[in-house]
């Protein structure tokens, strides 16, 4: 999950609160734990202290709202203050102007070029006519990398690998770019914002006159993020922030809190290497995940992108009939895979954190799914459609063809039978409710229909 260590620290701090009485000592201890968690995640000491003090002050002075316990009230305050740190409300990038120009800036290695490709894919899926333009004249591979991404996405690409002036590159293609709805401009990065870069970035900023000037920050930049953000903001006026590399071991707190320095909101976070590993940053949803409260909205969005309507309809019919094939299981696994790592998906399910499923167990299950896919890829279409055909000779052929063991094949068959049994239960409950609904004259049962 994104920011695993911070999430674990915050959840542990809240567990201590909920295990005893909510009094002054408990609130102060909670505030101290949250401050330590934020500092260890690279949020600045000053900002961490401010948040801790606000939580303590509100928890001790505010009256508990009707219907809430003192513990729930305090948890809500923690949720609100962390959300406020990250920008509170979610704001989409306004793409109504044609062309909307998005200019990406940042330090070397922050992932600007890959982010340009991710943004292009994100908005292409939303029907935008997009162009990518490369103005990085310093990194030799920059032109080839962005062109390769554009070709893979089937998006128009502009650039000149021989030109050394980024402003001239943009001006050369400016008329062509006016025909697009969205233009994404990738600029050069540096190890530091030196005087040479300052002049160059001011020059291209003036030439492009972008509606969105997005600072791309790496999640592993640490507390230096605030200074970097301030320098870029002073020179070009940063309007938004994208945080990259939040899928690995990056602490991430420094880059997330850096937006507070510029009053620019974090609009997206990068959670993987693939081009679809980009999420709109919704502070309330993000904090909900950090605190182990789930994120059903993002989960449903991912499911919508991962599962086509035809597959959903077919699977639903199978459930209603209490039937299931290896094909159905395969499609479900593919859909889960498209939604992201199992750990990320699990953390979006409300209440999942209370089950205390070890990360190692989720990783093990993910590895099992890969093995099951190899086994199913070695089956004939007839076997996938009708699992009852499975016999010893077929099982032996499948294991040999896939290079897997008999135990792994038996594990797959066991999983299939468990899923089929669950489907039959769901089907039986659904038919029972429909009969009850019919007996009640077509009226729905309270709480169900």
Protein backbone atom coordinates (compact mmCIF):
# COMPACT_ATOMS: atom_id res chain seq x y z
CA UNK A 1 0.00 0.00 0.00
CA UNK A 2 0.97 3.65 -0.46
CA UNK A 3 2.86 4.90 2.64
CA UNK A 4 2.66 1.58 4.45
CA UNK A 5 4.85 2.62 7.34
CA UNK A 6 2.98 5.85 8.03
CA UNK A 7 -0.33 4.01 7.79
CA UNK A 8 0.83 1.32 10.25
CA UNK A 9 2.13 3.95 12.69
CA UNK A 10 -1.13 5.93 12.61
CA UNK A 11 -3.28 2.82 13.03
CA UNK A 12 -1.15 1.66 15.97
CA UNK A 13 -1.50 5.08 17.61
CA UNK A 14 -5.29 4.94 17.24
CA UNK A 15 -5.40 1.38 18.59
CA UNK A 16 -3.79 2.61 21.80
CA UNK A 17 -6.46 5.27 22.09
CA UNK A 18 -9.33 2.84 21.57
CA UNK A 19 -7.97 0.36 24.11
CA UNK A 20 -8.55 2.67 27.07
CA UNK A 21 -10.27 5.81 28.37
CA UNK A 22 -10.17 9.00 26.30
CA UNK A 23 -8.82 11.51 28.81
CA UNK A 24 -6.16 14.25 28.73
CA UNK A 25 -3.29 11.80 29.12
CA UNK A 26 -4.62 9.56 26.35
CA UNK A 27 -5.15 12.49 23.96
CA UNK A 28 -1.68 13.92 24.64
CA UNK A 29 -0.14 10.48 24.11
CA UNK A 30 -2.06 10.16 20.82
CA UNK A 31 -0.83 13.58 19.68
CA UNK A 32 2.75 12.63 20.48
CA UNK A 33 2.43 9.31 18.59
CA UNK A 34 0.98 11.06 15.53
CA UNK A 35 3.77 13.68 15.59
CA UNK A 36 6.40 10.91 15.68
CA UNK A 37 4.66 9.06 12.85
CA UNK A 38 4.56 12.15 10.64
CA UNK A 39 8.19 13.10 11.33
CA UNK A 40 9.34 9.54 10.56
CA UNK A 41 7.44 9.82 7.26
CA UNK A 42 9.48 12.99 6.40
CA UNK A 43 6.78 15.56 7.16
CA UNK A 44 8.62 18.62 8.51
CA UNK A 45 9.04 18.84 12.29
CA UNK A 46 7.27 22.21 12.37
CA UNK A 47 4.24 20.95 10.44
CA UNK A 48 4.11 17.68 12.40
CA UNK A 49 4.10 19.61 15.67
CA UNK A 50 1.35 21.95 14.46
CA UNK A 51 -0.90 19.05 13.45
CA UNK A 52 -0.31 17.24 16.73
CA UNK A 53 -1.15 20.36 18.73
CA UNK A 54 -4.33 21.00 16.73
CA UNK A 55 -5.53 17.43 17.29
CA UNK A 56 -4.89 17.63 21.03
CA UNK A 57 -6.50 21.06 21.38
CA UNK A 58 -9.64 20.10 19.47
CA UNK A 59 -10.00 16.70 21.15
CA UNK A 60 -9.85 18.26 24.63
CA UNK A 61 -11.95 21.39 23.98
CA UNK A 62 -14.60 20.49 21.40
CA UNK A 63 -17.84 18.96 22.56
CA UNK A 64 -18.52 15.45 21.38
CA UNK A 65 -21.11 15.54 18.59
CA UNK A 66 -24.41 13.79 19.22
CA UNK A 67 -24.38 10.09 18.41
CA UNK A 68 -20.57 9.79 18.63
CA UNK A 69 -18.46 8.31 21.40
CA UNK A 70 -15.43 10.21 22.67
CA UNK A 71 -13.18 7.77 20.80
CA UNK A 72 -15.10 8.24 17.53
CA UNK A 73 -15.02 12.01 18.02
CA UNK A 74 -11.23 11.97 18.46
CA UNK A 75 -10.76 9.69 15.45
CA UNK A 76 -12.84 12.12 13.37
CA UNK A 77 -10.60 15.02 14.47
CA UNK A 78 -7.48 13.07 13.43
CA UNK A 79 -9.12 12.36 10.08
CA UNK A 80 -10.06 16.03 9.54
CA UNK A 81 -6.63 17.43 10.48
CA UNK A 82 -4.72 14.98 8.27
CA UNK A 83 -7.11 15.72 5.41
CA UNK A 84 -6.56 19.45 5.93
CA UNK A 85 -2.78 18.89 5.72
CA UNK A 86 -3.18 17.24 2.32
CA UNK A 87 -5.46 19.87 0.80
CA UNK A 88 -8.90 18.99 2.15
CA UNK A 89 -11.01 19.13 -1.02
CA UNK A 90 -10.30 17.33 -4.28
CA UNK A 91 -10.05 19.58 -7.33
CA UNK A 92 -9.82 18.26 -10.87
CA UNK A 93 -7.53 19.88 -13.42
CA UNK A 94 -9.66 22.19 -15.53
CA UNK A 95 -9.40 21.01 -19.14
CA UNK A 96 -12.15 23.16 -20.66
CA UNK A 97 -9.76 25.59 -22.41
CA UNK A 98 -8.61 24.39 -25.85
CA UNK A 99 -5.82 23.62 -25.84
CA UNK A 100 -5.26 23.11 -22.13
CA UNK A 101 -1.49 23.17 -21.65
CA UNK A 102 0.08 21.18 -18.82
CA UNK A 103 3.79 21.81 -18.22
CA UNK A 104 5.65 19.33 -16.03
CA UNK A 105 8.64 20.58 -14.01
CA UNK A 106 10.84 19.05 -11.32
CA UNK A 107 14.21 17.68 -10.34
CA UNK A 108 16.16 15.08 -12.29
CA UNK A 109 14.90 11.56 -11.63
CA UNK A 110 11.49 12.59 -10.28
CA UNK A 111 9.74 10.70 -13.08
CA UNK A 112 8.43 13.58 -15.21
CA UNK A 113 8.64 11.77 -18.55
CA UNK A 114 6.86 8.66 -17.30
CA UNK A 115 4.30 10.91 -15.61
CA UNK A 116 3.72 12.69 -18.93
CA UNK A 117 2.84 9.29 -20.45
CA UNK A 118 0.58 8.42 -17.50
CA UNK A 119 -1.29 11.71 -17.78
CA UNK A 120 -1.71 11.19 -21.51
CA UNK A 121 -3.24 7.75 -20.94
CA UNK A 122 -5.46 9.05 -18.12
CA UNK A 123 -6.97 11.79 -20.30
CA UNK A 124 -7.09 9.70 -23.47
CA UNK A 125 -9.40 7.29 -21.64
CA UNK A 126 -11.60 10.32 -20.99
CA UNK A 127 -11.86 11.12 -24.68
CA UNK A 128 -9.38 13.99 -24.97
CA UNK A 129 -7.38 14.66 -28.13
CA UNK A 130 -3.83 14.83 -26.77
CA UNK A 131 -0.34 15.79 -27.88
CA UNK A 132 2.92 15.15 -26.04
CA UNK A 133 5.89 17.45 -26.59
CA UNK A 134 9.45 16.88 -25.35
CA UNK A 135 11.51 19.99 -24.52
CA UNK A 136 14.22 18.29 -22.42
CA UNK A 137 17.42 19.10 -24.29
CA UNK A 138 19.76 17.86 -21.56
CA UNK A 139 18.98 14.18 -21.06
CA UNK A 140 19.91 12.27 -24.24
CA UNK A 141 17.26 9.56 -23.78
CA UNK A 142 14.41 11.96 -22.98
CA UNK A 143 13.25 12.41 -26.59
CA UNK A 144 13.32 8.67 -27.37
CA UNK A 145 11.61 7.75 -24.09
CA UNK A 146 8.63 10.08 -24.52
CA UNK A 147 8.28 9.22 -28.20
CA UNK A 148 8.19 5.53 -27.30
CA UNK A 149 5.45 6.20 -24.74
CA UNK A 150 3.48 8.27 -27.25
CA UNK A 151 3.75 5.54 -29.89
CA UNK A 152 2.57 2.90 -27.40
CA UNK A 153 -0.42 5.07 -26.49
CA UNK A 154 -1.06 6.04 -30.14
CA UNK A 155 -0.84 9.71 -29.22
CA UNK A 156 0.74 12.44 -31.37
CA UNK A 157 4.27 13.42 -30.39
CA UNK A 158 6.39 16.50 -31.06
CA UNK A 159 10.04 17.31 -30.38
CA UNK A 160 13.42 17.97 -31.94
CA UNK A 161 16.41 15.95 -30.64
CA UNK A 162 18.88 18.31 -32.37
CA UNK A 163 17.59 21.62 -30.96
CA UNK A 164 19.24 22.88 -27.74
CA UNK A 165 16.77 25.65 -26.89
CA UNK A 166 13.54 24.25 -25.35
CA UNK A 167 11.61 27.47 -26.04
CA UNK A 168 12.43 27.19 -29.76
CA UNK A 169 11.19 23.59 -29.80
CA UNK A 170 7.84 24.68 -28.39
CA UNK A 171 7.50 27.67 -30.73
CA UNK A 172 8.30 25.48 -33.77
CA UNK A 173 5.23 23.34 -33.12
CA UNK A 174 2.97 25.90 -31.44
CA UNK A 175 0.55 26.22 -34.37
CA UNK A 176 0.23 22.43 -34.69
CA UNK A 177 -0.45 22.12 -30.97
CA UNK A 178 -3.38 24.56 -31.14
CA UNK A 179 -5.54 21.85 -32.75
CA UNK A 180 -5.46 19.63 -29.63
CA UNK A 181 -7.64 19.63 -26.54
CA UNK A 182 -4.76 18.83 -24.19
CA UNK A 183 -1.02 19.43 -24.64
CA UNK A 184 1.44 17.93 -22.15
CA UNK A 185 4.89 19.52 -22.12
CA UNK A 186 7.78 17.59 -20.56
CA UNK A 187 10.70 19.78 -19.44
CA UNK A 188 14.26 19.08 -18.30
CA UNK A 189 15.11 18.16 -14.73
CA UNK A 190 18.21 19.00 -12.70
CA UNK A 191 19.97 17.87 -9.54
CA UNK A 192 19.24 21.32 -8.13
CA UNK A 193 17.51 24.50 -9.26
CA UNK A 194 20.68 26.41 -10.26
CA UNK A 195 20.89 29.76 -12.03
CA UNK A 196 21.17 28.12 -15.46
CA UNK A 197 17.98 26.12 -14.91
CA UNK A 198 16.25 29.16 -13.43
CA UNK A 199 16.78 31.16 -16.63
CA UNK A 200 15.77 28.23 -18.84
CA UNK A 201 12.62 27.37 -16.92
CA UNK A 202 11.52 31.02 -16.82
CA UNK A 203 12.05 31.22 -20.59
CA UNK A 204 9.99 28.16 -21.46
CA UNK A 205 7.34 29.15 -18.92
CA UNK A 206 6.94 32.44 -20.74
CA UNK A 207 6.80 30.73 -24.15
CA UNK A 208 4.28 28.06 -23.17
CA UNK A 209 2.07 30.13 -20.83
CA UNK A 210 0.57 26.91 -19.48
CA UNK A 211 -2.70 26.84 -17.56
CA UNK A 212 -1.25 24.13 -15.33
CA UNK A 213 2.36 24.17 -14.11
CA UNK A 214 2.73 20.88 -12.30
CA UNK A 215 5.65 20.18 -10.01
CA UNK A 216 6.54 16.48 -10.10
CA UNK A 217 8.04 15.36 -6.80
CA UNK A 218 9.46 11.94 -5.99
CA UNK A 219 8.06 10.31 -2.88
CA UNK A 220 11.59 9.62 -1.63
CA UNK A 221 12.80 13.22 -1.72
CA UNK A 222 12.38 13.64 2.05
CA UNK A 223 12.11 16.94 3.90
CA UNK A 224 14.02 18.72 1.09
CA UNK A 225 10.70 18.70 -0.77
CA UNK A 226 9.55 21.94 0.85
CA UNK A 227 12.61 23.90 -0.29
CA UNK A 228 12.37 22.46 -3.81
CA UNK A 229 8.68 23.29 -4.02
CA UNK A 230 9.28 26.83 -2.79
CA UNK A 231 12.09 27.44 -5.35
CA UNK A 232 10.01 26.26 -8.30
CA UNK A 233 7.02 28.23 -7.07
CA UNK A 234 9.07 31.43 -6.73
CA UNK A 235 10.29 31.09 -10.34
CA UNK A 236 7.22 29.96 -12.29
CA UNK A 237 4.25 29.83 -9.90
CA UNK A 238 3.44 26.16 -9.37
CA UNK A 239 -0.29 25.45 -9.71
CA UNK A 240 -0.41 21.71 -8.89
CA UNK A 241 1.73 18.84 -7.63
CA UNK A 242 2.08 15.19 -8.67
CA UNK A 243 3.80 12.77 -6.27
CA UNK A 244 5.56 9.80 -7.87
CA UNK A 245 7.05 6.53 -6.61
CA UNK A 246 4.62 6.06 -3.72
CA UNK A 247 4.36 2.33 -4.38
CA UNK A 248 7.74 1.35 -2.95
CA UNK A 249 9.60 2.10 0.27
CA UNK A 250 9.37 5.89 -0.06
CA UNK A 251 8.25 7.61 3.14
CA UNK A 252 6.33 10.14 1.05
CA UNK A 253 5.39 12.58 3.81
CA UNK A 254 7.81 15.27 2.70
CA UNK A 255 6.50 15.43 -0.85
CA UNK A 256 2.87 15.24 0.27
CA UNK A 257 3.24 18.10 2.72
CA UNK A 258 5.33 20.20 0.30
CA UNK A 259 2.15 21.31 -1.44
CA UNK A 260 1.27 23.27 1.69
CA UNK A 261 4.27 25.55 1.04
CA UNK A 262 3.01 26.61 -2.40
CA UNK A 263 -0.74 26.38 -1.69
CA UNK A 264 -0.79 24.13 -4.77
CA UNK A 265 -2.89 21.01 -4.46
CA UNK A 266 -1.65 17.49 -5.10
CA UNK A 267 -3.69 16.37 -8.12
CA UNK A 268 -2.27 12.89 -8.80
CA UNK A 269 -0.09 10.24 -7.17
CA UNK A 270 2.00 7.65 -8.99
CA UNK A 271 1.65 4.17 -7.48
CA UNK A 272 3.64 2.01 -9.89
CA UNK A 273 5.69 1.84 -13.08
CA UNK A 274 2.86 0.99 -15.49
CA UNK A 275 1.14 3.76 -17.42
CA UNK A 276 -2.17 3.17 -15.66
CA UNK A 277 -0.56 3.37 -12.19
CA UNK A 278 -1.78 6.93 -11.64
CA UNK A 279 -4.53 7.95 -9.22
CA UNK A 280 -6.37 11.21 -8.81
CA UNK A 281 -5.43 12.43 -5.35
CA UNK A 282 -8.51 12.78 -3.18
CA UNK A 283 -7.35 13.77 0.32
CA UNK A 284 -10.37 12.38 2.17
CA UNK A 285 -10.10 9.01 0.43
CA UNK A 286 -6.33 8.93 0.92
CA UNK A 287 -6.50 9.66 4.65
CA UNK A 288 -9.29 7.12 5.02
CA UNK A 289 -6.92 4.49 3.62
CA UNK A 290 -4.05 5.64 5.85
CA UNK A 291 -6.24 5.21 8.93
CA UNK A 292 -7.49 1.78 7.83
CA UNK A 293 -11.03 2.97 7.07
CA UNK A 294 -11.02 1.86 3.43
CA UNK A 295 -11.67 3.75 0.20
CA UNK A 296 -14.74 2.33 -1.50
CA UNK A 297 -14.98 5.17 -4.06
CA UNK A 298 -11.52 4.55 -5.55
CA UNK A 299 -12.09 0.79 -5.39
CA UNK A 300 -15.26 1.11 -7.46
CA UNK A 301 -13.51 3.39 -9.96
CA UNK A 302 -10.75 0.81 -10.40
CA UNK A 303 -13.29 -1.98 -10.77
CA UNK A 304 -15.14 0.01 -13.42
CA UNK A 305 -11.94 0.41 -15.44
CA UNK A 306 -10.89 -3.21 -14.93
CA UNK A 307 -14.13 -5.07 -15.66
CA UNK A 308 -16.01 -4.67 -18.93
CA UNK A 309 -19.83 -4.73 -18.88
CA UNK A 310 -20.04 -7.92 -20.97
CA UNK A 311 -17.92 -9.84 -18.46
CA UNK A 312 -19.96 -8.49 -15.55
CA UNK A 313 -23.22 -9.56 -17.22
CA UNK A 314 -21.95 -13.04 -18.00
CA UNK A 315 -20.57 -13.57 -14.48
CA UNK A 316 -23.82 -12.29 -12.96
CA UNK A 317 -25.84 -14.82 -15.00
CA UNK A 318 -23.54 -17.61 -13.84
CA UNK A 319 -23.99 -16.53 -10.22
CA UNK A 320 -27.77 -16.53 -10.61
CA UNK A 321 -27.60 -20.07 -11.99
CA UNK A 322 -25.14 -21.13 -9.30
CA UNK A 323 -22.65 -22.08 -12.00
CA UNK A 324 -19.02 -21.27 -12.53
CA UNK A 325 -16.25 -22.25 -14.92
CA UNK A 326 -12.48 -21.85 -14.89
CA UNK A 327 -13.07 -19.06 -17.42
CA UNK A 328 -15.12 -17.16 -14.82
CA UNK A 329 -12.38 -17.60 -12.23
CA UNK A 330 -9.75 -16.54 -14.78
CA UNK A 331 -11.68 -13.36 -15.65
CA UNK A 332 -12.09 -12.48 -11.98
CA UNK A 333 -8.37 -12.89 -11.42
CA UNK A 334 -7.57 -10.74 -14.47
CA UNK A 335 -9.91 -8.01 -13.18
CA UNK A 336 -8.24 -8.02 -9.76
CA UNK A 337 -4.83 -7.88 -11.43
CA UNK A 338 -5.86 -4.81 -13.46
CA UNK A 339 -7.01 -3.07 -10.27
CA UNK A 340 -3.49 -3.20 -8.83
CA UNK A 341 -1.50 -5.16 -6.23
CA UNK A 342 -3.71 -7.20 -3.90
CA UNK A 343 -2.45 -5.27 -0.88
CA UNK A 344 -3.59 -1.96 -2.40
CA UNK A 345 -6.99 -3.36 -3.33
CA UNK A 346 -7.47 -4.90 0.14
CA UNK A 347 -6.73 -1.57 1.85
CA UNK A 348 -9.57 0.06 -0.10
CA UNK A 349 -12.15 -2.34 1.32
CA UNK A 350 -13.82 -0.80 4.40
CA UNK A 351 -13.20 -2.87 7.51
CA UNK A 352 -10.44 -4.94 5.93
CA UNK A 353 -7.77 -3.55 8.25
CA UNK A 354 -9.67 -4.87 11.29
CA UNK A 355 -9.17 -8.40 9.99
CA UNK A 356 -5.40 -7.99 10.55
CA UNK A 357 -4.47 -10.02 7.47
CA UNK A 358 -0.65 -10.16 7.35
CA UNK A 359 0.95 -8.53 4.30
CA UNK A 360 2.85 -11.77 3.78
CA UNK A 361 -0.47 -13.61 3.38
CA UNK A 362 -1.65 -11.15 0.73
CA UNK A 363 1.68 -11.46 -1.10
CA UNK A 364 1.41 -15.24 -0.94
CA UNK A 365 -2.11 -15.14 -2.36
CA UNK A 366 -0.92 -12.88 -5.18
CA UNK A 367 1.80 -15.40 -6.05
CA UNK A 368 -0.77 -18.21 -5.99
CA UNK A 369 -2.93 -16.30 -8.47
CA UNK A 370 0.02 -16.09 -10.86
CA UNK A 371 0.51 -19.86 -10.62
CA UNK A 372 -3.21 -20.54 -11.17
CA UNK A 373 -3.09 -18.36 -14.28
CA UNK A 374 -0.20 -20.46 -15.68
CA UNK A 375 -2.23 -23.62 -15.05
CA UNK A 376 -5.39 -22.25 -16.68
CA UNK A 377 -3.39 -21.02 -19.67
CA UNK A 378 -2.41 -24.67 -20.25
CA UNK A 379 -6.02 -25.86 -20.32
CA UNK A 380 -8.06 -26.37 -23.48
CA UNK A 381 -11.06 -24.12 -24.05
CA UNK A 382 -13.30 -27.11 -23.38
CA UNK A 383 -11.68 -27.70 -19.99
CA UNK A 384 -11.98 -24.02 -19.06
CA UNK A 385 -15.69 -24.06 -19.87
CA UNK A 386 -16.44 -27.38 -18.16
CA UNK A 387 -14.28 -28.13 -15.08
CA UNK A 388 -16.16 -31.41 -14.55
CA UNK A 389 -14.04 -32.87 -17.38
CA UNK A 390 -11.00 -32.83 -15.12
CA UNK A 391 -9.52 -36.28 -14.54
CA UNK A 392 -6.08 -37.58 -13.62
CA UNK A 393 -4.73 -37.68 -17.18
CA UNK A 394 -5.92 -34.14 -17.94
CA UNK A 395 -4.50 -32.84 -14.66
CA UNK A 396 -1.16 -34.48 -15.38
CA UNK A 397 -1.05 -33.00 -18.90
CA UNK A 398 -1.89 -29.50 -17.59
CA UNK A 399 0.80 -29.57 -14.88
CA UNK A 400 3.45 -30.77 -17.32
CA UNK A 401 2.42 -28.17 -19.91
CA UNK A 402 2.49 -25.32 -17.40
CA UNK A 403 5.62 -26.46 -15.60
CA UNK A 404 3.77 -26.47 -12.27
CA UNK A 405 3.27 -29.16 -9.63
CA UNK A 406 0.31 -31.46 -8.90
CA UNK A 407 -0.10 -29.81 -5.49
CA UNK A 408 -0.51 -26.41 -7.18
CA UNK A 409 -3.11 -27.86 -9.54
CA UNK A 410 -5.01 -29.37 -6.62
CA UNK A 411 -4.84 -25.97 -4.90
CA UNK A 412 -6.45 -24.37 -7.97
CA UNK A 413 -9.23 -26.98 -8.07
CA UNK A 414 -9.85 -26.41 -4.36
CA UNK A 415 -10.11 -22.64 -4.93
CA UNK A 416 -12.49 -23.22 -7.82
CA UNK A 417 -14.76 -25.44 -5.71
CA UNK A 418 -14.81 -22.89 -2.88
CA UNK A 419 -15.78 -20.11 -5.29
CA UNK A 420 -18.48 -22.30 -6.87
CA UNK A 421 -19.91 -23.13 -3.43
CA UNK A 422 -19.99 -19.44 -2.53
CA UNK A 423 -21.77 -18.64 -5.82
CA UNK A 424 -24.41 -21.27 -5.11
CA UNK A 425 -25.01 -19.73 -1.69
CA UNK A 426 -25.37 -16.26 -3.22
CA UNK A 427 -27.67 -17.66 -5.91
CA UNK A 428 -29.87 -19.41 -3.31
CA UNK A 429 -30.17 -16.26 -1.20
CA UNK A 430 -31.03 -14.18 -4.26
CA UNK A 431 -33.79 -16.59 -5.38
CA UNK A 432 -35.20 -16.74 -1.84
CA UNK A 433 -35.40 -12.94 -1.63
CA UNK A 434 -37.09 -12.76 -5.05
CA UNK A 435 -39.73 -15.28 -3.94
CA UNK A 436 -40.35 -13.28 -0.76
CA UNK A 437 -40.58 -10.13 -2.81
CA UNK A 438 -43.15 -11.77 -5.08
CA UNK A 439 -45.23 -12.94 -2.10
CA UNK A 440 -45.26 -9.37 -0.81
CA UNK A 441 -46.83 -8.19 -4.05
CA UNK A 442 -43.62 -7.08 -5.70
CA UNK A 443 -42.67 -4.75 -2.87
CA UNK A 444 -39.07 -4.75 -1.80
CA UNK A 445 -37.94 -5.93 1.58
CA UNK A 446 -36.73 -3.11 3.84
CA UNK A 447 -32.97 -2.82 3.73
CA UNK A 448 -32.61 -5.14 0.72
CA UNK A 449 -34.58 -3.88 -2.27
